[in-house]
Amino acid sequence: MDLRPTTRDAGSDYRFERFRTRLLIEDMTFGRNALGPGSPLPEFDLPTLDGDRFASRTLGGRPVLMVFGSRTCPVTESAVPVLKRLHARFGDRVRFVLVNTREAHPGQTIGQPTTAEEKHRHAERLRHHHGVPFEVAVDDIDGTLHRAFTPKPNSAYLIDTDGTIRFRSHWANDEPALRRALEQAAAGSRVHGRSRAMAGPLLRAVGHLPGIVTAAGSRTGRDIWRAAPPLAVLGTLSRLFTRLPADRRGPAAAAALLACAAAAALLATLT
């Protein structure tokens, strides 16, 4: 597959400055022809922050878990602790690579990078923020590799040593699904499957939204309210549960909202 950008517009559209509802809708589903289990890898050759290369022709002798992510993605915030736990368990048998992409929710403090050098700095910020203990690669400014995979903010792919995708997870914070796939790959078993989990991963990410807004800038918060009001409401409610771990604040906010709706419905029947 040729990964050269097809048009200048494709790259500029990829580097959006404001988060929109259209982007949220696109993030929710993979197209029928999106790369997945059984697909060969497209050719790519990316730099890593350590001065090495992450390239399709030199994957190494181990399966590869490749994850897309950015500093302003709340699901990435939720996923990196998961990936660190999995890396501690499987890192000697599986190569872990986090590919820095466009910013999922750019704002006035952390904006969308416009040059290769700026994108490299964003990748360094991502690694430093999370203390990522494995490789961080940097896609080009137009997101050529990311777009080849049908860009999702935090998808994960388990790739065999022959360059074939064996497993795809829509969200990289789906720890049980990733663990099962990694267990099979580390044991030398043939992996083939995908995780389509949606509600759980998104609710775990909701508790990270306030932190993303604080880091990226208030404009990000306004964009989320316009593009995705339900997520914005849950993110606001999650602030009531700061004593809980961030991953549990979203589910708690959803439960509180449902309880309020049930109570309102009950009151309506009594009046």
C-alpha atoms as a PDB file:
ATOM      1  CA  MET A   1       0.000   0.000   0.000  1.00  0.00           C
ATOM      2  CA  ASP A   2       1.314   3.448  -0.963  1.00  0.00           C
ATOM      3  CA  LEU A   3       1.369   5.690   2.076  1.00  0.00           C
ATOM      4  CA  ARG A   4       2.206   8.926   0.298  1.00  0.00           C
ATOM      5  CA  PRO A   5      -0.416  11.618   0.973  1.00  0.00           C
ATOM      6  CA  THR A   6      -2.884  11.632  -1.912  1.00  0.00           C
ATOM      7  CA  THR A   7      -3.659  15.338  -1.760  1.00  0.00           C
ATOM      8  CA  ARG A   8      -2.619  18.357   0.219  1.00  0.00           C
ATOM      9  CA  ASP A   9      -6.227  18.715   1.375  1.00  0.00           C
ATOM     10  CA  ALA A  10      -6.148  15.251   2.995  1.00  0.00           C
ATOM     11  CA  GLY A  11      -3.274  16.288   5.232  1.00  0.00           C
ATOM     12  CA  SER A  12      -4.699  19.685   6.120  1.00  0.00           C
ATOM     13  CA  ASP A  13      -8.108  18.171   6.886  1.00  0.00           C
ATOM     14  CA  TYR A  14      -6.367  15.657   9.138  1.00  0.00           C
ATOM     15  CA  ARG A  15      -4.727  18.490  11.089  1.00  0.00           C
ATOM     16  CA  PHE A  16      -7.992  19.995  12.342  1.00  0.00           C
ATOM     17  CA  GLU A  17      -7.850  22.942  14.724  1.00  0.00           C
ATOM     18  CA  ARG A  18     -11.289  22.557  16.337  1.00  0.00           C
ATOM     19  CA  PHE A  19     -12.980  19.333  17.433  1.00  0.00           C
ATOM     20  CA  ARG A  20     -16.332  18.831  15.675  1.00  0.00           C
ATOM     21  CA  THR A  21     -19.266  16.434  15.924  1.00  0.00           C
ATOM     22  CA  ARG A  22     -18.263  14.927  12.573  1.00  0.00           C
ATOM     23  CA  LEU A  23     -14.946  13.837  14.058  1.00  0.00           C
ATOM     24  CA  LEU A  24     -16.685  12.238  17.028  1.00  0.00           C
ATOM     25  CA  ILE A  25     -18.945  10.255  14.703  1.00  0.00           C
ATOM     26  CA  GLU A  26     -15.969   9.133  12.624  1.00  0.00           C
ATOM     27  CA  ASP A  27     -14.180   7.985  15.777  1.00  0.00           C
ATOM     28  CA  MET A  28     -17.015   5.624  16.682  1.00  0.00           C
ATOM     29  CA  THR A  29     -16.810   3.199  13.749  1.00  0.00           C
ATOM     30  CA  PHE A  30     -14.343   1.560  11.391  1.00  0.00           C
ATOM     31  CA  GLY A  31     -15.166   1.453   7.706  1.00  0.00           C
ATOM     32  CA  ARG A  32     -15.721  -1.889   6.019  1.00  0.00           C
ATOM     33  CA  ASN A  33     -12.334  -1.645   4.292  1.00  0.00           C
ATOM     34  CA  ALA A  34     -10.360  -0.469   7.330  1.00  0.00           C
ATOM     35  CA  LEU A  35      -7.223  -2.421   8.152  1.00  0.00           C
ATOM     36  CA  GLY A  36      -7.922  -5.212  10.637  1.00  0.00           C
ATOM     37  CA  PRO A  37      -7.194  -8.858  11.433  1.00  0.00           C
ATOM     38  CA  GLY A  38      -5.647 -10.555   8.403  1.00  0.00           C
ATOM     39  CA  SER A  39      -4.605  -7.301   6.692  1.00  0.00           C
ATOM     40  CA  PRO A  40      -0.968  -6.819   5.697  1.00  0.00           C
ATOM     41  CA  LEU A  41       0.777  -3.781   7.096  1.00  0.00           C
ATOM     42  CA  PRO A  42       1.228  -0.810   4.785  1.00  0.00           C
ATOM     43  CA  GLU A  43       4.840   0.197   4.278  1.00  0.00           C
ATOM     44  CA  PHE A  44       6.118   2.828   6.707  1.00  0.00           C
ATOM     45  CA  ASP A  45       9.329   4.023   8.321  1.00  0.00           C
ATOM     46  CA  LEU A  46       8.956   6.311  11.328  1.00  0.00           C
ATOM     47  CA  PRO A  47      11.524   7.842  13.680  1.00  0.00           C
ATOM     48  CA  THR A  48      11.344   7.061  17.385  1.00  0.00           C
ATOM     49  CA  LEU A  49      12.210   9.433  20.191  1.00  0.00           C
ATOM     50  CA  ASP A  50      15.260   7.337  21.038  1.00  0.00           C
ATOM     51  CA  GLY A  51      16.762   7.839  17.578  1.00  0.00           C
ATOM     52  CA  ASP A  52      15.814   4.422  16.192  1.00  0.00           C
ATOM     53  CA  ARG A  53      13.272   3.496  13.528  1.00  0.00           C
ATOM     54  CA  PHE A  54       9.881   1.845  13.632  1.00  0.00           C
ATOM     55  CA  ALA A  55       9.571   0.395  10.139  1.00  0.00           C
ATOM     56  CA  SER A  56       7.327  -2.179   8.510  1.00  0.00           C
ATOM     57  CA  ARG A  57      10.301  -3.999   6.965  1.00  0.00           C
ATOM     58  CA  THR A  58      12.226  -4.333  10.225  1.00  0.00           C
ATOM     59  CA  LEU A  59       9.673  -5.127  12.896  1.00  0.00           C
ATOM     60  CA  GLY A  60      12.074  -7.441  14.721  1.00  0.00           C
ATOM     61  CA  GLY A  61      11.687 -10.989  15.917  1.00  0.00           C
ATOM     62  CA  ARG A  62       8.729 -10.376  18.213  1.00  0.00           C
ATOM     63  CA  PRO A  63       5.043  -9.562  17.662  1.00  0.00           C
ATOM     64  CA  VAL A  64       4.334  -5.833  17.884  1.00  0.00           C
ATOM     65  CA  LEU A  65       1.601  -4.062  19.812  1.00  0.00           C
ATOM     66  CA  MET A  66       1.183  -0.724  18.025  1.00  0.00           C
ATOM     67  CA  VAL A  67      -1.014   1.899  19.676  1.00  0.00           C
ATOM     68  CA  PHE A  68      -2.014   5.339  18.392  1.00  0.00           C
ATOM     69  CA  GLY A  69      -2.347   8.180  20.891  1.00  0.00           C
ATOM     70  CA  SER A  70      -1.866  11.847  21.754  1.00  0.00           C
ATOM     71  CA  ARG A  71      -1.488  14.065  24.792  1.00  0.00           C
ATOM     72  CA  THR A  72      -4.978  15.555  24.432  1.00  0.00           C
ATOM     73  CA  CYS A  73      -6.839  12.259  24.069  1.00  0.00           C
ATOM     74  CA  PRO A  74      -8.752  11.245  27.225  1.00  0.00           C
ATOM     75  CA  VAL A  75      -8.770   7.595  26.133  1.00  0.00           C
ATOM     76  CA  THR A  76      -4.978   7.690  25.790  1.00  0.00           C
ATOM     77  CA  GLU A  77      -4.894   9.073  29.329  1.00  0.00           C
ATOM     78  CA  SER A  78      -6.847   6.033  30.454  1.00  0.00           C
ATOM     79  CA  ALA A  79      -4.934   3.595  28.238  1.00  0.00           C
ATOM     80  CA  VAL A  80      -1.296   4.311  29.056  1.00  0.00           C
ATOM     81  CA  PRO A  81      -1.465   2.898  32.618  1.00  0.00           C
ATOM     82  CA  VAL A  82      -3.039  -0.226  31.064  1.00  0.00           C
ATOM     83  CA  LEU A  83      -0.247  -0.424  28.501  1.00  0.00           C
ATOM     84  CA  LYS A  84       2.399   0.009  31.171  1.00  0.00           C
ATOM     85  CA  ARG A  85       0.975  -2.912  33.141  1.00  0.00           C
ATOM     86  CA  LEU A  86       0.824  -5.061  30.027  1.00  0.00           C
ATOM     87  CA  HIS A  87       4.343  -4.057  29.038  1.00  0.00           C
ATOM     88  CA  ALA A  88       5.666  -5.068  32.448  1.00  0.00           C
ATOM     89  CA  ARG A  89       4.150  -8.517  31.878  1.00  0.00           C
ATOM     90  CA  PHE A  90       4.737  -9.087  28.160  1.00  0.00           C
ATOM     91  CA  GLY A  91       7.434  -6.604  27.158  1.00  0.00           C
ATOM     92  CA  ASP A  92      10.126  -9.276  26.930  1.00  0.00           C
ATOM     93  CA  ARG A  93       8.085 -11.185  24.331  1.00  0.00           C
ATOM     94  CA  VAL A  94       6.122  -8.462  22.540  1.00  0.00           C
ATOM     95  CA  ARG A  95       7.441  -5.154  21.186  1.00  0.00           C
ATOM     96  CA  PHE A  96       5.343  -2.187  22.367  1.00  0.00           C
ATOM     97  CA  VAL A  97       5.224   0.990  20.241  1.00  0.00           C
ATOM     98  CA  LEU A  98       3.119   4.095  20.914  1.00  0.00           C
ATOM     99  CA  VAL A  99       2.700   6.176  17.740  1.00  0.00           C
ATOM    100  CA  ASN A 100       2.115   9.864  18.410  1.00  0.00           C
ATOM    101  CA  THR A 101      -0.655  11.226  16.181  1.00  0.00           C
ATOM    102  CA  ARG A 102      -2.523  14.489  15.700  1.00  0.00           C
ATOM    103  CA  GLU A 103      -3.916  16.008  18.883  1.00  0.00           C
ATOM    104  CA  ALA A 104      -7.399  14.603  19.538  1.00  0.00           C
ATOM    105  CA  HIS A 105      -8.615  17.764  21.318  1.00  0.00           C
ATOM    106  CA  PRO A 106      -6.344  20.700  20.445  1.00  0.00           C
ATOM    107  CA  GLY A 107      -6.722  23.946  22.324  1.00  0.00           C
ATOM    108  CA  GLN A 108      -4.912  27.221  22.779  1.00  0.00           C
ATOM    109  CA  THR A 109      -2.295  25.721  25.121  1.00  0.00           C
ATOM    110  CA  ILE A 110      -1.693  22.428  23.318  1.00  0.00           C
ATOM    111  CA  GLY A 111      -2.584  23.122  19.720  1.00  0.00           C
ATOM    112  CA  GLN A 112      -2.411  21.000  16.610  1.00  0.00           C
ATOM    113  CA  PRO A 113       1.234  20.674  15.512  1.00  0.00           C
ATOM    114  CA  THR A 114       1.966  22.333  12.170  1.00  0.00           C
ATOM    115  CA  THR A 115       5.561  21.232  11.565  1.00  0.00           C
ATOM    116  CA  ALA A 116       7.476  17.974  11.921  1.00  0.00           C
ATOM    117  CA  GLU A 117       9.627  19.534  14.633  1.00  0.00           C
ATOM    118  CA  GLU A 118       6.575  20.617  16.607  1.00  0.00           C
ATOM    119  CA  LYS A 119       5.016  17.169  16.286  1.00  0.00           C
ATOM    120  CA  HIS A 120       8.242  15.645  17.603  1.00  0.00           C
ATOM    121  CA  ARG A 121       8.004  17.939  20.633  1.00  0.00           C
ATOM    122  CA  HIS A 122       4.398  16.843  21.172  1.00  0.00           C
ATOM    123  CA  ALA A 123       5.574  13.222  21.178  1.00  0.00           C
ATOM    124  CA  GLU A 124       8.214  14.085  23.769  1.00  0.00           C
ATOM    125  CA  ARG A 125       5.542  15.792  25.874  1.00  0.00           C
ATOM    126  CA  LEU A 126       3.345  12.680  25.600  1.00  0.00           C
ATOM    127  CA  ARG A 127       6.163  10.382  26.685  1.00  0.00           C
ATOM    128  CA  HIS A 128       7.232  12.630  29.561  1.00  0.00           C
ATOM    129  CA  HIS A 129       3.663  13.156  30.820  1.00  0.00           C
ATOM    130  CA  HIS A 130       3.014   9.420  31.087  1.00  0.00           C
ATOM    131  CA  GLY A 131       6.524   8.175  31.777  1.00  0.00           C
ATOM    132  CA  VAL A 132       6.138   5.771  28.845  1.00  0.00           C
ATOM    133  CA  PRO A 133       8.676   2.931  29.340  1.00  0.00           C
ATOM    134  CA  PHE A 134       8.566   1.654  25.735  1.00  0.00           C
ATOM    135  CA  GLU A 135       9.145   3.062  22.251  1.00  0.00           C
ATOM    136  CA  VAL A 136       7.364   6.209  21.104  1.00  0.00           C
ATOM    137  CA  ALA A 137       7.319   6.736  17.335  1.00  0.00           C
ATOM    138  CA  VAL A 138       6.316   9.931  15.542  1.00  0.00           C
ATOM    139  CA  ASP A 139       4.037   9.877  12.499  1.00  0.00           C
ATOM    140  CA  ASP A 140       4.594  12.549   9.840  1.00  0.00           C
ATOM    141  CA  ILE A 141       2.818  15.880  10.022  1.00  0.00           C
ATOM    142  CA  ASP A 142       0.019  14.739   7.675  1.00  0.00           C
ATOM    143  CA  GLY A 143      -0.608  11.552   9.673  1.00  0.00           C
ATOM    144  CA  THR A 144       0.146   9.327   6.688  1.00  0.00           C
ATOM    145  CA  LEU A 145       0.392   6.124   8.711  1.00  0.00           C
ATOM    146  CA  HIS A 146      -2.493   7.063  10.999  1.00  0.00           C
ATOM    147  CA  ARG A 147      -4.757   7.827   8.024  1.00  0.00           C
ATOM    148  CA  ALA A 148      -3.842   4.511   6.391  1.00  0.00           C
ATOM    149  CA  PHE A 149      -5.355   2.779   9.430  1.00  0.00           C
ATOM    150  CA  THR A 150      -8.580   4.863   9.324  1.00  0.00           C
ATOM    151  CA  PRO A 151      -7.569   7.317  12.044  1.00  0.00           C
ATOM    152  CA  LYS A 152      -8.961   6.600  15.473  1.00  0.00           C
ATOM    153  CA  PRO A 153      -7.596   8.495  18.501  1.00  0.00           C
ATOM    154  CA  ASN A 154      -6.463   5.456  20.519  1.00  0.00           C
ATOM    155  CA  SER A 155      -6.781   2.224  18.552  1.00  0.00           C
ATOM    156  CA  ALA A 156      -4.393  -0.703  19.063  1.00  0.00           C
ATOM    157  CA  TYR A 157      -3.102  -3.359  16.683  1.00  0.00           C
ATOM    158  CA  LEU A 158      -1.275  -6.595  17.420  1.00  0.00           C
ATOM    159  CA  ILE A 159       1.003  -7.353  14.466  1.00  0.00           C
ATOM    160  CA  ASP A 160       2.698 -10.667  13.697  1.00  0.00           C
ATOM    161  CA  THR A 161       6.392 -10.899  12.862  1.00  0.00           C
ATOM    162  CA  ASP A 162       5.513 -11.334   9.174  1.00  0.00           C
ATOM    163  CA  GLY A 163       3.764  -7.950   9.113  1.00  0.00           C
ATOM    164  CA  THR A 164       0.181  -9.210   9.307  1.00  0.00           C
ATOM    165  CA  ILE A 165      -2.341  -7.586  11.636  1.00  0.00           C
ATOM    166  CA  ARG A 166      -3.720 -10.269  13.968  1.00  0.00           C
ATOM    167  CA  PHE A 167      -5.831  -8.287  16.423  1.00  0.00           C
ATOM    168  CA  ARG A 168      -7.459  -4.861  16.530  1.00  0.00           C
ATOM    169  CA  SER A 169      -8.883  -3.030  19.525  1.00  0.00           C
ATOM    170  CA  HIS A 170     -10.978   0.078  18.942  1.00  0.00           C
ATOM    171  CA  TRP A 171      -9.724   1.519  22.240  1.00  0.00           C
ATOM    172  CA  ALA A 172      -6.409   0.718  23.901  1.00  0.00           C
ATOM    173  CA  ASN A 173      -7.823   0.956  27.419  1.00  0.00           C
ATOM    174  CA  ASP A 174      -9.752  -2.311  26.868  1.00  0.00           C
ATOM    175  CA  GLU A 175      -7.355  -4.182  29.138  1.00  0.00           C
ATOM    176  CA  PRO A 176      -9.054  -7.621  29.249  1.00  0.00           C
ATOM    177  CA  ALA A 177      -9.202  -7.909  25.452  1.00  0.00           C
ATOM    178  CA  LEU A 178      -5.610  -6.762  24.975  1.00  0.00           C
ATOM    179  CA  ARG A 179      -4.375  -9.063  27.724  1.00  0.00           C
ATOM    180  CA  ARG A 180      -5.999 -12.102  26.127  1.00  0.00           C
ATOM    181  CA  ALA A 181      -4.516 -11.282  22.730  1.00  0.00           C
ATOM    182  CA  LEU A 182      -1.069 -10.690  24.208  1.00  0.00           C
ATOM    183  CA  GLU A 183      -1.201 -13.925  26.192  1.00  0.00           C
ATOM    184  CA  GLN A 184      -1.863 -15.838  22.988  1.00  0.00           C
ATOM    185  CA  ALA A 185       0.834 -14.005  21.048  1.00  0.00           C
ATOM    186  CA  ALA A 186       3.417 -14.393  23.823  1.00  0.00           C
ATOM    187  CA  ALA A 187       2.687 -18.130  23.950  1.00  0.00           C
ATOM    188  CA  GLY A 188       3.261 -18.441  20.220  1.00  0.00           C
ATOM    189  CA  SER A 189      -0.412 -19.113  19.447  1.00  0.00           C
ATOM    190  CA  ARG A 190      -2.083 -17.698  16.357  1.00  0.00           C
ATOM    191  CA  VAL A 191      -4.163 -14.638  17.261  1.00  0.00           C
ATOM    192  CA  HIS A 192      -7.123 -13.484  15.201  1.00  0.00           C
ATOM    193  CA  GLY A 193      -9.833 -11.197  16.474  1.00  0.00           C
ATOM    194  CA  ARG A 194     -10.928  -7.725  17.439  1.00  0.00           C
ATOM    195  CA  SER A 195     -12.431  -5.805  20.326  1.00  0.00           C
ATOM    196  CA  ARG A 196     -15.448  -3.637  19.577  1.00  0.00           C
ATOM    197  CA  ALA A 197     -16.010  -2.576  23.191  1.00  0.00           C
ATOM    198  CA  MET A 198     -17.364   0.964  23.235  1.00  0.00           C
ATOM    199  CA  ALA A 199     -19.349   2.049  26.315  1.00  0.00           C
ATOM    200  CA  GLY A 200     -16.887   0.768  28.923  1.00  0.00           C
ATOM    201  CA  PRO A 201     -13.746   2.298  27.364  1.00  0.00           C
ATOM    202  CA  LEU A 202     -15.469   5.649  26.792  1.00  0.00           C
ATOM    203  CA  LEU A 203     -16.876   5.826  30.315  1.00  0.00           C
ATOM    204  CA  ARG A 204     -13.417   5.061  31.732  1.00  0.00           C
ATOM    205  CA  ALA A 205     -12.045   7.932  29.655  1.00  0.00           C
ATOM    206  CA  VAL A 206     -14.708  10.453  30.720  1.00  0.00           C
ATOM    207  CA  GLY A 207     -13.075  11.014  34.093  1.00  0.00           C
ATOM    208  CA  HIS A 208      -9.953  12.215  32.283  1.00  0.00           C
ATOM    209  CA  LEU A 209     -11.786  14.916  30.288  1.00  0.00           C
ATOM    210  CA  PRO A 210     -11.399  17.672  32.922  1.00  0.00           C
ATOM    211  CA  GLY A 211      -7.646  17.087  33.026  1.00  0.00           C
ATOM    212  CA  ILE A 212      -7.437  17.224  29.242  1.00  0.00           C
ATOM    213  CA  VAL A 213      -9.274  20.556  29.192  1.00  0.00           C
ATOM    214  CA  THR A 214      -6.960  21.943  31.863  1.00  0.00           C
ATOM    215  CA  ALA A 215      -3.886  20.877  29.884  1.00  0.00           C
ATOM    216  CA  ALA A 216      -5.063  21.811  26.381  1.00  0.00           C
ATOM    217  CA  GLY A 217      -6.917  25.028  27.197  1.00  0.00           C
ATOM    218  CA  SER A 218     -10.441  26.290  27.805  1.00  0.00           C
ATOM    219  CA  ARG A 219     -11.202  26.322  24.071  1.00  0.00           C
ATOM    220  CA  THR A 220     -11.039  22.529  24.169  1.00  0.00           C
ATOM    221  CA  GLY A 221     -13.758  22.489  26.799  1.00  0.00           C
ATOM    222  CA  ARG A 222     -16.000  24.732  24.680  1.00  0.00           C
ATOM    223  CA  ASP A 223     -15.415  22.515  21.634  1.00  0.00           C
ATOM    224  CA  ILE A 224     -16.416  19.389  23.567  1.00  0.00           C
ATOM    225  CA  TRP A 225     -19.612  21.062  24.783  1.00  0.00           C
ATOM    226  CA  ARG A 226     -20.539  21.987  21.197  1.00  0.00           C
ATOM    227  CA  ALA A 227     -19.506  18.709  19.551  1.00  0.00           C
ATOM    228  CA  ALA A 228     -20.464  16.168  22.212  1.00  0.00           C
ATOM    229  CA  PRO A 229     -22.789  17.570  24.908  1.00  0.00           C
ATOM    230  CA  PRO A 230     -23.475  14.175  26.572  1.00  0.00           C
ATOM    231  CA  LEU A 231     -19.760  13.560  27.066  1.00  0.00           C
ATOM    232  CA  ALA A 232     -19.320  17.118  28.310  1.00  0.00           C
ATOM    233  CA  VAL A 233     -22.100  16.626  30.872  1.00  0.00           C
ATOM    234  CA  LEU A 234     -20.544  13.381  32.106  1.00  0.00           C
ATOM    235  CA  GLY A 235     -17.122  14.983  32.232  1.00  0.00           C
ATOM    236  CA  THR A 236     -18.502  17.828  34.348  1.00  0.00           C
ATOM    237  CA  LEU A 237     -20.299  15.414  36.684  1.00  0.00           C
ATOM    238  CA  SER A 238     -17.129  13.352  37.032  1.00  0.00           C
ATOM    239  CA  ARG A 239     -15.603  16.268  38.947  1.00  0.00           C
ATOM    240  CA  LEU A 240     -17.893  15.317  41.835  1.00  0.00           C
ATOM    241  CA  PHE A 241     -16.019  12.051  42.302  1.00  0.00           C
ATOM    242  CA  THR A 242     -12.404  13.189  42.645  1.00  0.00           C
ATOM    243  CA  ARG A 243     -11.832  10.741  45.498  1.00  0.00           C
ATOM    244  CA  LEU A 244     -12.202   7.912  42.997  1.00  0.00           C
ATOM    245  CA  PRO A 245      -9.511   6.914  40.504  1.00  0.00           C
ATOM    246  CA  ALA A 246     -10.029   8.801  37.238  1.00  0.00           C
ATOM    247  CA  ASP A 247     -11.109   5.662  35.382  1.00  0.00           C
ATOM    248  CA  ARG A 248     -13.983   5.153  37.818  1.00  0.00           C
ATOM    249  CA  ARG A 249     -15.290   8.720  37.780  1.00  0.00           C
ATOM    250  CA  GLY A 250     -17.041   8.404  34.424  1.00  0.00           C
ATOM    251  CA  PRO A 251     -19.029   5.298  35.400  1.00  0.00           C
ATOM    252  CA  ALA A 252     -19.908   6.991  38.711  1.00  0.00           C
ATOM    253  CA  ALA A 253     -21.081  10.096  36.838  1.00  0.00           C
ATOM    254  CA  ALA A 254     -23.196   7.973  34.500  1.00  0.00           C
ATOM    255  CA  ALA A 255     -24.747   6.139  37.451  1.00  0.00           C
ATOM    256  CA  ALA A 256     -25.533   9.438  39.184  1.00  0.00           C
ATOM    257  CA  LEU A 257     -27.134  10.818  36.027  1.00  0.00           C
ATOM    258  CA  LEU A 258     -29.276   7.710  35.616  1.00  0.00           C
ATOM    259  CA  ALA A 259     -30.306   7.874  39.272  1.00  0.00           C
ATOM    260  CA  CYS A 260     -31.370  11.507  38.870  1.00  0.00           C
ATOM    261  CA  ALA A 261     -33.330  10.673  35.724  1.00  0.00           C
ATOM    262  CA  ALA A 262     -35.079   7.772  37.505  1.00  0.00           C
ATOM    263  CA  ALA A 263     -35.911   9.969  40.476  1.00  0.00           C
ATOM    264  CA  ALA A 264     -37.298  12.676  38.184  1.00  0.00           C
ATOM    265  CA  ALA A 265     -39.417  10.097  36.345  1.00  0.00           C
ATOM    266  CA  LEU A 266     -40.739   8.757  39.655  1.00  0.00           C
ATOM    267  CA  LEU A 267     -41.634  12.237  40.875  1.00  0.00           C
ATOM    268  CA  ALA A 268     -43.446  12.906  37.624  1.00  0.00           C
ATOM    269  CA  THR A 269     -45.634   9.869  38.165  1.00  0.00           C
ATOM    270  CA  LEU A 270     -46.479  10.998  41.701  1.00  0.00           C
ATOM    271  CA  THR A 271     -47.577  14.495  40.786  1.00  0.00           C
END
